[in-house]
Amino acid sequence: MEEINGKQSIKTHIMDATEVNAQHALELEQASKERRMRSKEQIKAEVIGNNNIDYKKHMKWVDE
């Protein structure tokens, strides 16, 4: 009987760990997307903020 409970316990633990890993992967993916968006906004701010060179006519993505 203990062997059955032990296997059930291991199975439950594996299922819980799988859920935690999936959640962690989702959080990492979301954080990565947020970092890319912040980076893109920072680059736009720096390019637009440079008044010495008119980048807008050379870089179409700045106006997005």
N, C-alpha and C. Protein backbone atom coordinates (compact mmCIF):
# COMPACT_ATOMS: atom_id res chain seq x y z
N MET A 1 0.81 -1.19 0.00
CA MET A 1 0.00 0.00 0.00
C MET A 1 0.86 1.27 0.00
N GLU A 2 1.97 1.21 0.75
CA GLU A 2 2.85 2.38 0.79
C GLU A 2 3.47 2.64 -0.57
N GLU A 3 3.74 1.57 -1.31
CA GLU A 3 4.34 1.73 -2.63
C GLU A 3 3.40 2.47 -3.57
N ILE A 4 2.11 2.19 -3.50
CA ILE A 4 1.11 2.87 -4.33
C ILE A 4 1.04 4.34 -3.94
N ASN A 5 1.01 4.64 -2.65
CA ASN A 5 0.97 6.03 -2.19
C ASN A 5 2.24 6.77 -2.59
N GLY A 6 3.37 6.09 -2.55
CA GLY A 6 4.64 6.70 -2.94
C GLY A 6 4.64 7.06 -4.41
N LYS A 7 4.14 6.15 -5.25
CA LYS A 7 4.08 6.44 -6.69
C LYS A 7 3.11 7.58 -6.97
N GLN A 8 2.01 7.59 -6.26
CA GLN A 8 1.03 8.67 -6.43
C GLN A 8 1.63 10.01 -6.02
N SER A 9 2.39 9.98 -4.93
CA SER A 9 3.05 11.19 -4.45
C SER A 9 4.06 11.70 -5.47
N ILE A 10 4.83 10.78 -6.05
CA ILE A 10 5.82 11.18 -7.06
C ILE A 10 5.11 11.75 -8.29
N LYS A 11 4.03 11.11 -8.70
CA LYS A 11 3.28 11.58 -9.87
C LYS A 11 2.73 12.99 -9.62
N THR A 12 2.18 13.21 -8.42
CA THR A 12 1.64 14.53 -8.06
C THR A 12 2.76 15.57 -8.07
N HIS A 13 3.91 15.20 -7.52
CA HIS A 13 5.03 16.13 -7.48
C HIS A 13 5.48 16.50 -8.89
N ILE A 14 5.55 15.53 -9.78
CA ILE A 14 5.97 15.78 -11.17
C ILE A 14 4.96 16.69 -11.86
N MET A 15 3.68 16.46 -11.64
CA MET A 15 2.65 17.31 -12.26
C MET A 15 2.76 18.74 -11.75
N ASP A 16 2.97 18.90 -10.44
CA ASP A 16 3.12 20.24 -9.87
C ASP A 16 4.36 20.94 -10.43
N ALA A 17 5.46 20.20 -10.53
CA ALA A 17 6.70 20.78 -11.06
C ALA A 17 6.52 21.19 -12.51
N THR A 18 5.79 20.41 -13.28
CA THR A 18 5.54 20.74 -14.69
C THR A 18 4.74 22.04 -14.80
N GLU A 19 3.75 22.20 -13.95
CA GLU A 19 2.96 23.44 -13.96
C GLU A 19 3.82 24.64 -13.58
N VAL A 20 4.66 24.47 -12.58
CA VAL A 20 5.54 25.56 -12.15
C VAL A 20 6.51 25.92 -13.27
N ASN A 21 7.08 24.92 -13.93
CA ASN A 21 8.01 25.18 -15.03
C ASN A 21 7.32 25.91 -16.18
N ALA A 22 6.11 25.51 -16.49
CA ALA A 22 5.37 26.17 -17.57
C ALA A 22 5.09 27.62 -17.21
N GLN A 23 4.70 27.87 -15.97
CA GLN A 23 4.43 29.24 -15.52
C GLN A 23 5.71 30.08 -15.57
N HIS A 24 6.82 29.48 -15.16
CA HIS A 24 8.10 30.19 -15.18
C HIS A 24 8.50 30.55 -16.61
N ALA A 25 8.32 29.62 -17.53
CA ALA A 25 8.65 29.88 -18.93
C ALA A 25 7.78 31.00 -19.49
N LEU A 26 6.51 31.01 -19.12
CA LEU A 26 5.61 32.07 -19.57
C LEU A 26 6.03 33.43 -19.03
N GLU A 27 6.42 33.47 -17.76
CA GLU A 27 6.88 34.72 -17.16
C GLU A 27 8.17 35.22 -17.82
N LEU A 28 9.08 34.31 -18.12
CA LEU A 28 10.32 34.71 -18.80
C LEU A 28 10.04 35.27 -20.18
N GLU A 29 9.14 34.65 -20.91
CA GLU A 29 8.78 35.12 -22.24
C GLU A 29 8.16 36.52 -22.17
N GLN A 30 7.27 36.73 -21.21
CA GLN A 30 6.62 38.03 -21.05
C GLN A 30 7.65 39.10 -20.67
N ALA A 31 8.56 38.77 -19.78
CA ALA A 31 9.59 39.72 -19.37
C ALA A 31 10.49 40.08 -20.55
N SER A 32 10.78 39.10 -21.39
CA SER A 32 11.61 39.35 -22.56
C SER A 32 10.92 40.31 -23.53
N LYS A 33 9.63 40.10 -23.76
CA LYS A 33 8.86 40.98 -24.64
C LYS A 33 8.84 42.40 -24.08
N GLU A 34 8.65 42.51 -22.76
CA GLU A 34 8.61 43.84 -22.14
C GLU A 34 9.96 44.54 -22.27
N ARG A 35 11.05 43.79 -22.10
CA ARG A 35 12.39 44.37 -22.25
C ARG A 35 12.61 44.87 -23.67
N ARG A 36 12.18 44.09 -24.66
CA ARG A 36 12.35 44.51 -26.05
C ARG A 36 11.56 45.79 -26.34
N MET A 37 10.34 45.88 -25.80
CA MET A 37 9.53 47.08 -26.02
C MET A 37 10.18 48.30 -25.36
N ARG A 38 10.68 48.14 -24.13
CA ARG A 38 11.35 49.25 -23.45
C ARG A 38 12.61 49.66 -24.20
N SER A 39 13.34 48.69 -24.71
CA SER A 39 14.55 48.98 -25.46
C SER A 39 14.23 49.77 -26.72
N LYS A 40 13.19 49.34 -27.43
CA LYS A 40 12.80 50.03 -28.66
C LYS A 40 12.39 51.47 -28.37
N GLU A 41 11.64 51.67 -27.29
CA GLU A 41 11.23 53.03 -26.91
C GLU A 41 12.44 53.87 -26.54
N GLN A 42 13.41 53.28 -25.85
CA GLN A 42 14.61 54.01 -25.46
C GLN A 42 15.41 54.43 -26.70
N ILE A 43 15.52 53.53 -27.66
CA ILE A 43 16.26 53.85 -28.89
C ILE A 43 15.56 54.98 -29.64
N LYS A 44 14.24 54.90 -29.74
CA LYS A 44 13.49 55.97 -30.41
C LYS A 44 13.72 57.31 -29.72
N ALA A 45 13.68 57.31 -28.39
CA ALA A 45 13.87 58.55 -27.64
C ALA A 45 15.25 59.14 -27.89
N GLU A 46 16.26 58.28 -27.93
CA GLU A 46 17.62 58.77 -28.16
C GLU A 46 17.79 59.29 -29.58
N VAL A 47 17.20 58.60 -30.56
CA VAL A 47 17.34 59.02 -31.95
C VAL A 47 16.59 60.33 -32.17
N ILE A 48 15.38 60.41 -31.68
CA ILE A 48 14.58 61.63 -31.86
C ILE A 48 15.18 62.79 -31.07
N GLY A 49 15.77 62.49 -29.93
CA GLY A 49 16.35 63.52 -29.08
C GLY A 49 17.62 64.14 -29.64
N ASN A 50 18.26 63.48 -30.60
CA ASN A 50 19.48 64.00 -31.19
C ASN A 50 19.09 65.01 -32.27
N ASN A 51 19.23 66.27 -31.98
CA ASN A 51 18.81 67.33 -32.90
C ASN A 51 19.85 67.65 -33.95
N ASN A 52 21.05 67.11 -33.82
CA ASN A 52 22.11 67.41 -34.78
C ASN A 52 21.89 66.71 -36.12
N ILE A 53 21.27 65.54 -36.09
CA ILE A 53 21.08 64.75 -37.31
C ILE A 53 19.60 64.45 -37.46
N ASP A 54 19.07 64.60 -38.66
CA ASP A 54 17.68 64.29 -38.92
C ASP A 54 17.57 62.83 -39.36
N TYR A 55 17.30 61.96 -38.41
CA TYR A 55 17.23 60.54 -38.70
C TYR A 55 15.90 60.13 -39.34
N LYS A 56 14.88 60.93 -39.15
CA LYS A 56 13.54 60.52 -39.58
C LYS A 56 13.45 60.24 -41.07
N LYS A 57 14.17 60.97 -41.89
CA LYS A 57 14.08 60.72 -43.32
C LYS A 57 14.86 59.49 -43.75
N HIS A 58 15.75 59.00 -42.89
CA HIS A 58 16.54 57.81 -43.22
C HIS A 58 16.00 56.54 -42.54
N MET A 59 15.33 56.70 -41.43
CA MET A 59 14.83 55.56 -40.65
C MET A 59 13.32 55.65 -40.52
N LYS A 60 12.64 54.90 -41.34
CA LYS A 60 11.16 54.96 -41.36
C LYS A 60 10.56 54.44 -40.05
N TRP A 61 11.23 53.51 -39.35
CA TRP A 61 10.67 52.91 -38.15
C TRP A 61 10.60 53.89 -36.99
N VAL A 62 11.29 55.03 -37.06
CA VAL A 62 11.27 56.00 -35.98
C VAL A 62 9.88 56.60 -35.83
N ASP A 63 9.16 56.76 -36.92
CA ASP A 63 7.83 57.36 -36.88
C ASP A 63 6.74 56.41 -36.43
N GLU A 64 7.05 55.13 -36.26
CA GLU A 64 6.02 54.15 -35.87
C GLU A 64 5.50 54.42 -34.50
